[in-house]
């Protein structure tokens, strides 16, 4: 808990002004009757706002509200938190809620400098039971003092304030995304974030807004990185040569080419940078920005609001369909691959249709476990029939070390597993393969396979069984 001390005056004039503000009262007058307040505040961002000045004006507003009735003894101020984030999920607000339930919390009430600096939607109303249990009130400037959640007028006002705060967020998001859309389409402007692997950021001139330009803000654009850029071109060439993603990944790892997280660790702190994987190569080959055209909104986020009406949302990322992408009307940066080669590379990703045969179906996906390493066995088409394979952690993106005493891959045919289950699991003798799989999932049965045995594990309380158990059967 951060305790606020008395303001250091430091001058005769400052002492005189402090005396004038306090009405010539003795500093000790009425100290025993003053309420101890905990201040709750928030600033949305760190890079685009000044947390120090935001804290100052919110504290000033809170101090004006409480006047001589109390003193702020603790501060809980979140930096970089949206108002739509749940109170418990904010570092400082969450700490305040935990302190509320402590007997030695050291404050009697909570004061806020502005309602939407702390709450959104129904957050404050839903906080009511905890406040009542703790015997603590919240003071808002909008209510000119403590909030009475038993007063219908106060509840209506608080709900209106929460709704207004939520609407402000929605309007800001709409205006921002609409402006970004036009900037990409009309100007090909880089909209921030990590540059794609193979590019680096360079200066693109002064900001088009004269005020921002006067402050020294400048635009940035993409330029091919002399070290990583040629490798992107190489990937597209190899893909057009018919190489698989696995082969491309293995060659990159063998050549010691740093993966995106390894080449730019400061911008990829959420990744390990351990090497190339198939998904990384695929994402590069799928990115149309390598053609030199700026493309935005390939990935979006749905801000889903909870059913409780609190106004709190959860952003879920997803890939948008190509119809929703925004592309610049002219080339925005140097290309690493031609448009024709990029489109040709996408066509090589079309899945084979297996000569017009039916799609391959795997009935036991997720139910079969490797008895040698404990991993779930992956679906694998072998000898014209569905089967399951475990590579014991080996990745196609890395070359196999011939000198290492590596465990051989484990294979298990699906039809043989199903026949064993028919013989050993009650009620399965005449069931079709699809019925066997559906029943295994309903009963939550797990099948463990090794080179000699098949173990069927039935969990406690599974339908059709009174107790849990394991049956070890001859191997496949």
Protein backbone atom coordinates (compact mmCIF):
# COMPACT_ATOMS: atom_id res chain seq x y z
CA UNK A 1 0.00 0.00 0.00
CA UNK A 2 1.39 3.38 -0.99
CA UNK A 3 0.85 5.94 1.77
CA UNK A 4 0.49 9.57 0.80
CA UNK A 5 2.35 11.97 3.06
CA UNK A 6 1.79 15.70 3.60
CA UNK A 7 2.81 17.98 0.74
CA UNK A 8 6.22 19.58 1.20
CA UNK A 9 5.75 23.33 0.89
CA UNK A 10 9.34 24.50 0.91
CA UNK A 11 8.70 28.26 0.99
CA UNK A 12 7.18 30.98 3.15
CA UNK A 13 4.65 31.78 0.42
CA UNK A 14 3.66 28.14 0.14
CA UNK A 15 3.09 27.91 3.90
CA UNK A 16 0.95 31.02 3.81
CA UNK A 17 -1.15 29.63 0.90
CA UNK A 18 -1.70 26.34 2.70
CA UNK A 19 -2.94 28.28 5.75
CA UNK A 20 -5.33 30.32 3.59
CA UNK A 21 -6.77 27.17 2.00
CA UNK A 22 -7.36 25.57 5.35
CA UNK A 23 -9.25 28.60 6.68
CA UNK A 24 -6.57 29.43 9.28
CA UNK A 25 -7.34 26.20 11.13
CA UNK A 26 -4.72 24.57 13.24
CA UNK A 27 -3.27 21.52 11.42
CA UNK A 28 -4.22 19.33 14.35
CA UNK A 29 -7.80 20.56 14.58
CA UNK A 30 -10.32 17.75 14.07
CA UNK A 31 -7.78 15.13 13.00
CA UNK A 32 -9.51 12.44 15.05
CA UNK A 33 -12.80 12.90 13.18
CA UNK A 34 -11.36 12.85 9.68
CA UNK A 35 -12.12 9.89 7.42
CA UNK A 36 -9.22 7.87 6.08
CA UNK A 37 -9.62 7.46 2.32
CA UNK A 38 -8.09 5.06 -0.18
CA UNK A 39 -7.79 6.66 -3.60
CA UNK A 40 -8.70 4.53 -6.65
CA UNK A 41 -7.66 5.70 -10.11
CA UNK A 42 -6.60 4.52 -13.54
CA UNK A 43 -4.95 5.63 -16.77
CA UNK A 44 -5.64 3.65 -19.95
CA UNK A 45 -2.20 3.66 -21.55
CA UNK A 46 1.40 4.36 -20.65
CA UNK A 47 2.81 5.36 -24.01
CA UNK A 48 0.08 7.75 -25.15
CA UNK A 49 -0.82 9.35 -21.82
CA UNK A 50 1.16 10.86 -18.97
CA UNK A 51 0.48 8.73 -15.88
CA UNK A 52 1.98 11.34 -13.57
CA UNK A 53 -0.26 14.20 -14.69
CA UNK A 54 -3.30 11.90 -14.88
CA UNK A 55 -2.71 10.78 -11.31
CA UNK A 56 -2.29 14.41 -10.24
CA UNK A 57 -5.60 15.69 -11.63
CA UNK A 58 -7.53 12.66 -10.36
CA UNK A 59 -6.04 13.15 -6.90
CA UNK A 60 -6.89 16.84 -7.05
CA UNK A 61 -10.50 16.06 -7.96
CA UNK A 62 -10.74 13.49 -5.16
CA UNK A 63 -9.22 15.89 -2.63
CA UNK A 64 -11.68 18.63 -3.61
CA UNK A 65 -14.55 16.19 -3.10
CA UNK A 66 -13.59 15.13 0.41
CA UNK A 67 -12.41 18.62 1.49
CA UNK A 68 -11.78 18.81 5.21
CA UNK A 69 -13.81 15.68 5.91
CA UNK A 70 -10.91 13.31 5.43
CA UNK A 71 -7.42 12.58 4.22
CA UNK A 72 -6.12 10.24 1.52
CA UNK A 73 -3.89 7.70 3.20
CA UNK A 74 -3.43 5.15 0.40
CA UNK A 75 -3.31 5.16 -3.40
CA UNK A 76 -4.29 2.42 -5.83
CA UNK A 77 -3.54 3.62 -9.34
CA UNK A 78 -3.49 1.34 -12.39
CA UNK A 79 -1.42 2.25 -15.46
CA UNK A 80 -2.25 0.70 -18.82
CA UNK A 81 -5.64 -0.80 -17.89
CA UNK A 82 -8.86 -0.34 -19.84
CA UNK A 83 -11.94 0.50 -17.82
CA UNK A 84 -13.55 -2.62 -19.28
CA UNK A 85 -11.04 -4.88 -17.55
CA UNK A 86 -12.56 -6.50 -14.47
CA UNK A 87 -11.60 -4.82 -11.20
CA UNK A 88 -10.16 -8.07 -9.86
CA UNK A 89 -7.99 -8.35 -13.00
CA UNK A 90 -6.39 -4.91 -12.59
CA UNK A 91 -3.22 -5.04 -10.47
CA UNK A 92 -3.95 -2.09 -8.18
CA UNK A 93 -7.74 -2.29 -8.14
CA UNK A 94 -7.46 -5.99 -7.39
CA UNK A 95 -5.09 -5.21 -4.53
CA UNK A 96 -7.62 -2.72 -3.17
CA UNK A 97 -10.40 -5.33 -3.24
CA UNK A 98 -8.17 -7.80 -1.39
CA UNK A 99 -7.28 -5.13 1.18
CA UNK A 100 -10.98 -4.41 1.68
CA UNK A 101 -11.39 -7.75 3.42
CA UNK A 102 -8.46 -7.20 5.76
CA UNK A 103 -9.08 -6.04 9.31
CA UNK A 104 -5.93 -3.90 9.25
CA UNK A 105 -6.61 -2.22 5.91
CA UNK A 106 -5.92 1.26 7.26
CA UNK A 107 -8.72 3.16 5.47
CA UNK A 108 -12.42 3.75 6.05
CA UNK A 109 -13.70 4.75 2.60
CA UNK A 110 -12.73 4.84 -1.08
CA UNK A 111 -12.65 8.01 -3.16
CA UNK A 112 -12.50 8.29 -6.95
CA UNK A 113 -11.50 11.37 -8.95
CA UNK A 114 -13.91 10.57 -11.79
CA UNK A 115 -16.34 7.67 -12.09
CA UNK A 116 -15.23 6.38 -15.50
CA UNK A 117 -11.60 6.40 -14.35
CA UNK A 118 -12.57 3.45 -12.17
CA UNK A 119 -15.79 1.82 -13.34
CA UNK A 120 -17.65 0.73 -16.46
CA UNK A 121 -21.06 -0.84 -16.97
CA UNK A 122 -22.38 -2.44 -13.77
CA UNK A 123 -19.00 -2.86 -12.09
CA UNK A 124 -19.74 -0.49 -9.20
CA UNK A 125 -23.22 -1.90 -8.56
CA UNK A 126 -21.82 -5.42 -8.48
CA UNK A 127 -19.22 -4.27 -5.97
CA UNK A 128 -22.03 -3.39 -3.54
CA UNK A 129 -22.10 -6.65 -1.50
CA UNK A 130 -18.34 -6.51 -0.85
CA UNK A 131 -18.54 -2.87 0.20
CA UNK A 132 -21.47 -3.56 2.51
CA UNK A 133 -19.71 -6.55 4.06
CA UNK A 134 -16.59 -4.46 4.66
CA UNK A 135 -18.46 -1.40 5.92
CA UNK A 136 -16.73 0.82 3.34
CA UNK A 137 -18.35 3.50 1.18
CA UNK A 138 -17.26 4.84 -2.21
CA UNK A 139 -17.23 8.59 -2.81
CA UNK A 140 -17.78 9.94 -6.32
CA UNK A 141 -17.69 13.55 -7.57
CA UNK A 142 -20.80 12.77 -9.62
CA UNK A 143 -22.78 11.99 -6.43
CA UNK A 144 -21.14 14.85 -4.48
CA UNK A 145 -20.10 12.41 -1.79
CA UNK A 146 -20.68 8.81 -0.72
CA UNK A 147 -22.68 6.50 -3.00
CA UNK A 148 -25.76 4.97 -1.40
CA UNK A 149 -26.56 1.79 -3.31
CA UNK A 150 -29.82 1.47 -1.34
CA UNK A 151 -31.02 4.72 -2.87
CA UNK A 152 -32.74 4.08 -6.27
CA UNK A 153 -31.67 7.51 -7.50
CA UNK A 154 -28.01 6.78 -6.75
CA UNK A 155 -28.24 3.34 -8.40
CA UNK A 156 -29.82 4.87 -11.49
CA UNK A 157 -27.10 7.51 -11.66
CA UNK A 158 -24.31 4.95 -11.23
CA UNK A 159 -25.78 2.74 -13.95
CA UNK A 160 -26.05 5.72 -16.29
CA UNK A 161 -22.42 6.66 -15.62
CA UNK A 162 -21.36 3.08 -16.33
CA UNK A 163 -23.35 3.01 -19.56
CA UNK A 164 -21.84 6.32 -20.64
CA UNK A 165 -18.33 5.03 -19.99
CA UNK A 166 -19.01 1.91 -22.03
CA UNK A 167 -20.44 3.97 -24.91
CA UNK A 168 -17.36 6.18 -24.89
CA UNK A 169 -15.16 3.13 -25.39
CA UNK A 170 -17.27 1.89 -28.30
CA UNK A 171 -17.25 5.29 -30.02
CA UNK A 172 -13.49 5.65 -29.62
CA UNK A 173 -12.90 2.17 -31.04
CA UNK A 174 -15.16 2.82 -34.05
CA UNK A 175 -13.57 6.15 -34.87
CA UNK A 176 -10.05 4.80 -34.48
CA UNK A 177 -10.56 1.72 -36.65
CA UNK A 178 -12.40 3.73 -39.32
CA UNK A 179 -9.49 6.19 -39.49
CA UNK A 180 -6.92 3.37 -39.65
CA UNK A 181 -8.85 1.73 -42.46
CA UNK A 182 -8.70 4.88 -44.59
CA UNK A 183 -5.04 5.54 -43.77
CA UNK A 184 -4.10 2.07 -45.01
CA UNK A 185 -6.23 2.24 -48.14
CA UNK A 186 -5.44 5.81 -49.22
CA UNK A 187 -1.88 6.23 -47.93
CA UNK A 188 -0.56 2.70 -47.38
CA UNK A 189 0.41 3.84 -43.90
CA UNK A 190 2.13 1.42 -41.53
CA UNK A 191 -0.18 1.03 -38.51
CA UNK A 192 2.32 -0.07 -35.91
CA UNK A 193 3.18 -3.38 -34.31
CA UNK A 194 6.02 -5.75 -35.10
CA UNK A 195 7.39 -5.54 -38.64
CA UNK A 196 7.02 -8.84 -40.53
CA UNK A 197 10.07 -11.09 -40.53
CA UNK A 198 12.29 -9.93 -43.40
CA UNK A 199 11.52 -6.24 -42.93
CA UNK A 200 12.74 -3.47 -40.67
CA UNK A 201 11.25 -0.06 -39.85
CA UNK A 202 12.75 3.12 -41.33
CA UNK A 203 11.81 6.78 -41.26
CA UNK A 204 9.02 7.78 -43.69
CA UNK A 205 8.98 11.55 -43.17
CA UNK A 206 7.11 13.95 -40.90
CA UNK A 207 3.65 13.18 -39.56
CA UNK A 208 0.91 14.52 -41.90
CA UNK A 209 -0.84 16.18 -38.95
CA UNK A 210 0.91 19.53 -38.58
CA UNK A 211 0.51 19.60 -34.79
CA UNK A 212 2.03 16.13 -34.41
CA UNK A 213 4.77 17.06 -36.87
CA UNK A 214 5.58 20.13 -34.78
CA UNK A 215 6.01 17.85 -31.79
CA UNK A 216 8.55 15.84 -33.78
CA UNK A 217 6.41 12.80 -34.55
CA UNK A 218 7.34 11.02 -37.77
CA UNK A 219 5.90 8.21 -39.83
CA UNK A 220 7.62 4.86 -40.36
CA UNK A 221 7.49 2.36 -43.19
CA UNK A 222 8.78 -1.11 -43.99
CA UNK A 223 12.09 -1.72 -45.72
CA UNK A 224 13.67 -5.12 -46.53
CA UNK A 225 16.10 -6.22 -43.85
CA UNK A 226 19.46 -7.01 -45.50
CA UNK A 227 19.95 -10.06 -43.26
CA UNK A 228 16.51 -11.67 -43.00
CA UNK A 229 14.85 -10.32 -46.16
CA UNK A 230 16.65 -12.68 -48.59
CA UNK A 231 15.53 -15.67 -46.54
CA UNK A 232 11.88 -14.72 -47.06
CA UNK A 233 12.46 -14.64 -50.81
CA UNK A 234 14.25 -18.00 -50.51
CA UNK A 235 11.22 -19.52 -48.71
CA UNK A 236 8.86 -18.51 -51.50
CA UNK A 237 11.26 -19.87 -54.13
CA UNK A 238 11.58 -23.20 -52.36
CA UNK A 239 7.81 -23.44 -51.95
CA UNK A 240 7.36 -22.87 -55.68
CA UNK A 241 9.95 -25.60 -56.24
CA UNK A 242 7.58 -27.98 -54.48
CA UNK A 243 9.24 -28.14 -51.07
CA UNK A 244 7.07 -29.04 -48.11
CA UNK A 245 6.81 -26.80 -45.06
CA UNK A 246 8.71 -29.43 -43.09
CA UNK A 247 11.62 -29.42 -45.52
CA UNK A 248 11.80 -25.62 -45.55
CA UNK A 249 11.78 -25.55 -41.74
CA UNK A 250 14.51 -28.17 -41.50
CA UNK A 251 16.75 -26.32 -43.95
CA UNK A 252 16.33 -23.04 -42.06
CA UNK A 253 17.17 -24.71 -38.75
CA UNK A 254 20.15 -26.53 -40.27
CA UNK A 255 21.50 -23.29 -41.79
CA UNK A 256 21.24 -21.54 -38.41
CA UNK A 257 18.82 -18.90 -39.70
CA UNK A 258 17.26 -17.17 -36.67
CA UNK A 259 13.49 -17.54 -36.46
CA UNK A 260 11.41 -14.33 -36.03
CA UNK A 261 11.66 -14.48 -32.23
CA UNK A 262 15.40 -15.06 -32.42
CA UNK A 263 16.00 -12.30 -34.97
CA UNK A 264 13.99 -9.71 -33.03
CA UNK A 265 13.76 -10.85 -29.38
CA UNK A 266 12.79 -7.42 -28.02
CA UNK A 267 9.55 -7.45 -30.01
CA UNK A 268 8.91 -11.16 -29.41
CA UNK A 269 9.37 -11.56 -25.68
CA UNK A 270 6.29 -13.79 -25.54
CA UNK A 271 8.05 -16.39 -27.71
CA UNK A 272 11.02 -18.63 -26.94
CA UNK A 273 12.95 -18.20 -30.18
CA UNK A 274 13.99 -21.84 -30.09
CA UNK A 275 13.88 -22.40 -33.84
CA UNK A 276 11.69 -22.64 -36.91
CA UNK A 277 8.42 -24.58 -36.78
CA UNK A 278 5.96 -25.40 -39.56
CA UNK A 279 3.37 -22.85 -38.42
CA UNK A 280 5.92 -20.01 -38.56
CA UNK A 281 6.90 -20.85 -42.13
CA UNK A 282 3.25 -21.18 -43.13
CA UNK A 283 2.35 -17.78 -41.65
CA UNK A 284 5.15 -16.10 -43.64
CA UNK A 285 4.10 -17.76 -46.88
CA UNK A 286 0.48 -16.66 -46.23
CA UNK A 287 1.29 -12.99 -45.57
CA UNK A 288 0.40 -10.78 -48.59
CA UNK A 289 2.41 -7.85 -47.21
CA UNK A 290 5.53 -9.43 -48.71
CA UNK A 291 4.21 -8.35 -52.13
CA UNK A 292 4.87 -4.70 -51.17
CA UNK A 293 1.23 -3.80 -50.63
CA UNK A 294 0.07 -2.81 -47.17
CA UNK A 295 -2.65 -5.17 -45.96
CA UNK A 296 -4.47 -4.53 -42.68
CA UNK A 297 -7.20 -6.24 -40.65
CA UNK A 298 -6.18 -9.79 -41.52
CA UNK A 299 -6.61 -10.57 -37.86
CA UNK A 300 -9.35 -9.10 -35.70
CA UNK A 301 -10.69 -9.27 -32.18
CA UNK A 302 -14.24 -9.67 -30.96
CA UNK A 303 -14.84 -7.82 -27.72
CA UNK A 304 -17.45 -10.10 -26.23
CA UNK A 305 -19.44 -8.71 -23.31
CA UNK A 306 -20.29 -11.01 -20.44
CA UNK A 307 -23.87 -12.03 -19.70
CA UNK A 308 -23.75 -10.41 -16.27
CA UNK A 309 -24.10 -6.90 -17.72
CA UNK A 310 -20.94 -5.70 -15.99
CA UNK A 311 -19.62 -4.16 -19.19
CA UNK A 312 -16.46 -6.23 -18.91
CA UNK A 313 -15.30 -7.77 -22.17
CA UNK A 314 -12.93 -10.45 -23.35
CA UNK A 315 -11.07 -9.88 -26.62
CA UNK A 316 -10.88 -13.05 -28.71
CA UNK A 317 -8.49 -13.02 -31.65
CA UNK A 318 -9.45 -14.61 -34.94
CA UNK A 319 -8.48 -14.55 -38.61
CA UNK A 320 -10.78 -12.44 -40.77
CA UNK A 321 -11.96 -13.59 -44.20
CA UNK A 322 -10.14 -11.98 -47.14
CA UNK A 323 -13.25 -9.90 -47.92
CA UNK A 324 -12.66 -7.96 -44.68
CA UNK A 325 -9.00 -7.17 -45.36
CA UNK A 326 -8.00 -3.60 -46.18
CA UNK A 327 -5.35 -3.21 -48.89
CA UNK A 328 -3.52 -0.08 -49.97
CA UNK A 329 -4.46 1.21 -53.41
CA UNK A 330 -0.80 1.37 -54.40
CA UNK A 331 2.45 -0.31 -53.39
CA UNK A 332 3.56 0.90 -49.96
CA UNK A 333 7.01 -0.69 -49.50
CA UNK A 334 9.56 -2.76 -51.47
CA UNK A 335 8.39 -6.29 -52.25
CA UNK A 336 10.17 -9.49 -51.28
CA UNK A 337 8.08 -11.60 -53.67
CA UNK A 338 6.09 -10.76 -56.79
CA UNK A 339 2.31 -10.87 -56.70
CA UNK A 340 2.32 -13.72 -59.23
CA UNK A 341 4.71 -15.84 -57.18
CA UNK A 342 2.77 -15.13 -53.98
CA UNK A 343 -0.50 -16.29 -55.51
CA UNK A 344 1.22 -19.37 -56.97
CA UNK A 345 2.62 -20.21 -53.53
CA UNK A 346 -0.89 -20.09 -52.06
CA UNK A 347 -2.15 -22.55 -54.64
CA UNK A 348 0.48 -25.09 -53.60
CA UNK A 349 -1.21 -25.25 -50.20
CA UNK A 350 -4.38 -26.81 -51.62
CA UNK A 351 -4.91 -30.16 -49.92
CA UNK A 352 -4.86 -33.22 -52.18
CA UNK A 353 -8.26 -34.68 -52.89
CA UNK A 354 -6.98 -38.29 -52.73
CA UNK A 355 -8.08 -39.10 -56.26
CA UNK A 356 -11.71 -38.21 -55.63
CA UNK A 357 -12.05 -40.65 -52.74
CA UNK A 358 -13.94 -39.93 -49.54
CA UNK A 359 -12.27 -37.67 -46.95
CA UNK A 360 -10.14 -39.52 -44.45
CA UNK A 361 -11.86 -40.02 -41.11
CA UNK A 362 -10.22 -40.87 -37.80
CA UNK A 363 -12.72 -42.06 -35.18
CA UNK A 364 -10.43 -42.32 -32.14
CA UNK A 365 -8.62 -38.96 -32.34
CA UNK A 366 -7.73 -37.82 -28.83
CA UNK A 367 -8.50 -41.17 -27.20
CA UNK A 368 -5.28 -43.08 -27.97
CA UNK A 369 -2.20 -42.47 -25.79
CA UNK A 370 1.36 -43.68 -26.37
CA UNK A 371 2.40 -46.07 -23.63
CA UNK A 372 6.08 -45.29 -24.23
CA UNK A 373 6.13 -41.52 -23.73
CA UNK A 374 2.64 -40.58 -22.52
CA UNK A 375 1.79 -38.34 -25.49
CA UNK A 376 -1.50 -38.55 -27.35
CA UNK A 377 -1.00 -40.37 -30.62
CA UNK A 378 -1.61 -38.39 -33.81
CA UNK A 379 -3.85 -39.51 -36.65
CA UNK A 380 -1.84 -41.10 -39.46
CA UNK A 381 -2.94 -42.66 -42.74
CA UNK A 382 -1.02 -45.87 -43.25
CA UNK A 383 -1.46 -48.65 -45.81
CA UNK A 384 -4.78 -47.24 -47.04
CA UNK A 385 -6.43 -47.26 -43.62
CA UNK A 386 -6.67 -44.95 -40.57
CA UNK A 387 -4.07 -45.46 -37.91
CA UNK A 388 -2.31 -43.58 -35.10
CA UNK A 389 1.34 -42.67 -34.75
CA UNK A 390 3.56 -41.31 -32.01
CA UNK A 391 6.92 -39.72 -32.90
CA UNK A 392 7.81 -39.16 -29.22
CA UNK A 393 8.23 -35.41 -29.55
CA UNK A 394 10.20 -35.40 -32.80
CA UNK A 395 9.32 -32.48 -35.11
CA UNK A 396 9.37 -32.44 -38.89
CA UNK A 397 11.02 -29.03 -38.68
CA UNK A 398 14.24 -30.57 -37.35
CA UNK A 399 16.56 -33.09 -38.91
CA UNK A 400 16.72 -36.46 -37.22
CA UNK A 401 20.02 -37.04 -35.46
CA UNK A 402 21.23 -40.37 -36.78
CA UNK A 403 23.73 -40.76 -33.95
CA UNK A 404 21.13 -40.47 -31.23
CA UNK A 405 19.54 -43.60 -29.80
CA UNK A 406 16.04 -42.38 -30.53
CA UNK A 407 12.91 -44.44 -29.80
CA UNK A 408 11.31 -45.76 -32.96
CA UNK A 409 7.93 -44.40 -33.96
CA UNK A 410 4.94 -46.28 -32.56
CA UNK A 411 2.05 -47.18 -34.90
CA UNK A 412 -1.40 -48.58 -34.10
CA UNK A 413 -4.15 -49.44 -36.59
CA UNK A 414 -7.60 -48.07 -35.80
CA UNK A 415 -9.53 -51.16 -36.89
CA UNK A 416 -7.48 -53.43 -34.62
CA UNK A 417 -8.03 -51.12 -31.62
CA UNK A 418 -11.79 -51.07 -32.27
CA UNK A 419 -11.93 -54.87 -32.55
CA UNK A 420 -10.18 -55.21 -29.19
CA UNK A 421 -12.60 -52.72 -27.61
CA UNK A 422 -15.58 -54.67 -29.03
CA UNK A 423 -14.31 -57.82 -27.37
CA UNK A 424 -13.51 -56.33 -23.97
CA UNK A 425 -15.85 -53.41 -23.25
CA UNK A 426 -19.37 -54.39 -22.17
CA UNK A 427 -22.13 -53.65 -24.67
CA UNK A 428 -19.80 -53.16 -27.65
CA UNK A 429 -19.83 -56.56 -29.33
CA UNK A 430 -22.25 -55.70 -32.16
CA UNK A 431 -21.57 -51.96 -32.38
CA UNK A 432 -20.29 -50.32 -35.55
CA UNK A 433 -16.94 -48.56 -35.52
CA UNK A 434 -18.64 -45.15 -35.25
CA UNK A 435 -20.83 -46.37 -32.38
CA UNK A 436 -17.77 -47.75 -30.58
CA UNK A 437 -15.99 -44.39 -30.85
CA UNK A 438 -19.05 -42.44 -29.68
CA UNK A 439 -19.52 -44.76 -26.69
CA UNK A 440 -15.86 -44.51 -25.71
CA UNK A 441 -16.12 -40.74 -25.66
CA UNK A 442 -19.36 -40.86 -23.67
CA UNK A 443 -17.78 -43.14 -21.10
CA UNK A 444 -14.55 -41.10 -21.09
CA UNK A 445 -12.46 -44.23 -21.76
CA UNK A 446 -8.74 -43.85 -22.49
CA UNK A 447 -6.77 -46.32 -24.63
CA UNK A 448 -3.02 -46.69 -24.00
CA UNK A 449 -0.97 -48.51 -26.63
CA UNK A 450 2.61 -49.80 -26.55
CA UNK A 451 4.42 -52.42 -28.62
CA UNK A 452 3.00 -55.36 -26.69
CA UNK A 453 -0.27 -54.40 -25.01
CA UNK A 454 -3.37 -52.26 -25.25
CA UNK A 455 -4.62 -50.91 -21.92
CA UNK A 456 -8.22 -49.72 -21.65
CA UNK A 457 -8.64 -47.35 -18.73
CA UNK A 458 -12.14 -46.74 -17.37
CA UNK A 459 -12.48 -43.72 -15.06
CA UNK A 460 -14.30 -43.83 -11.74
CA UNK A 461 -18.02 -43.31 -12.15
CA UNK A 462 -18.02 -43.84 -15.92
CA UNK A 463 -21.52 -44.73 -17.27
CA UNK A 464 -21.98 -48.49 -17.36
CA UNK A 465 -19.23 -49.18 -14.78
CA UNK A 466 -19.45 -49.31 -11.02
CA UNK A 467 -15.72 -48.85 -10.40
CA UNK A 468 -12.65 -47.66 -12.25
CA UNK A 469 -10.29 -50.20 -13.70
CA UNK A 470 -7.71 -51.14 -16.31
CA UNK A 471 -7.67 -54.07 -18.70
CA UNK A 472 -4.32 -55.05 -20.28
CA UNK A 473 -4.77 -56.92 -23.57
CA UNK A 474 -2.48 -58.48 -26.18
CA UNK A 475 -0.70 -55.96 -28.38
CA UNK A 476 -1.57 -55.02 -31.94
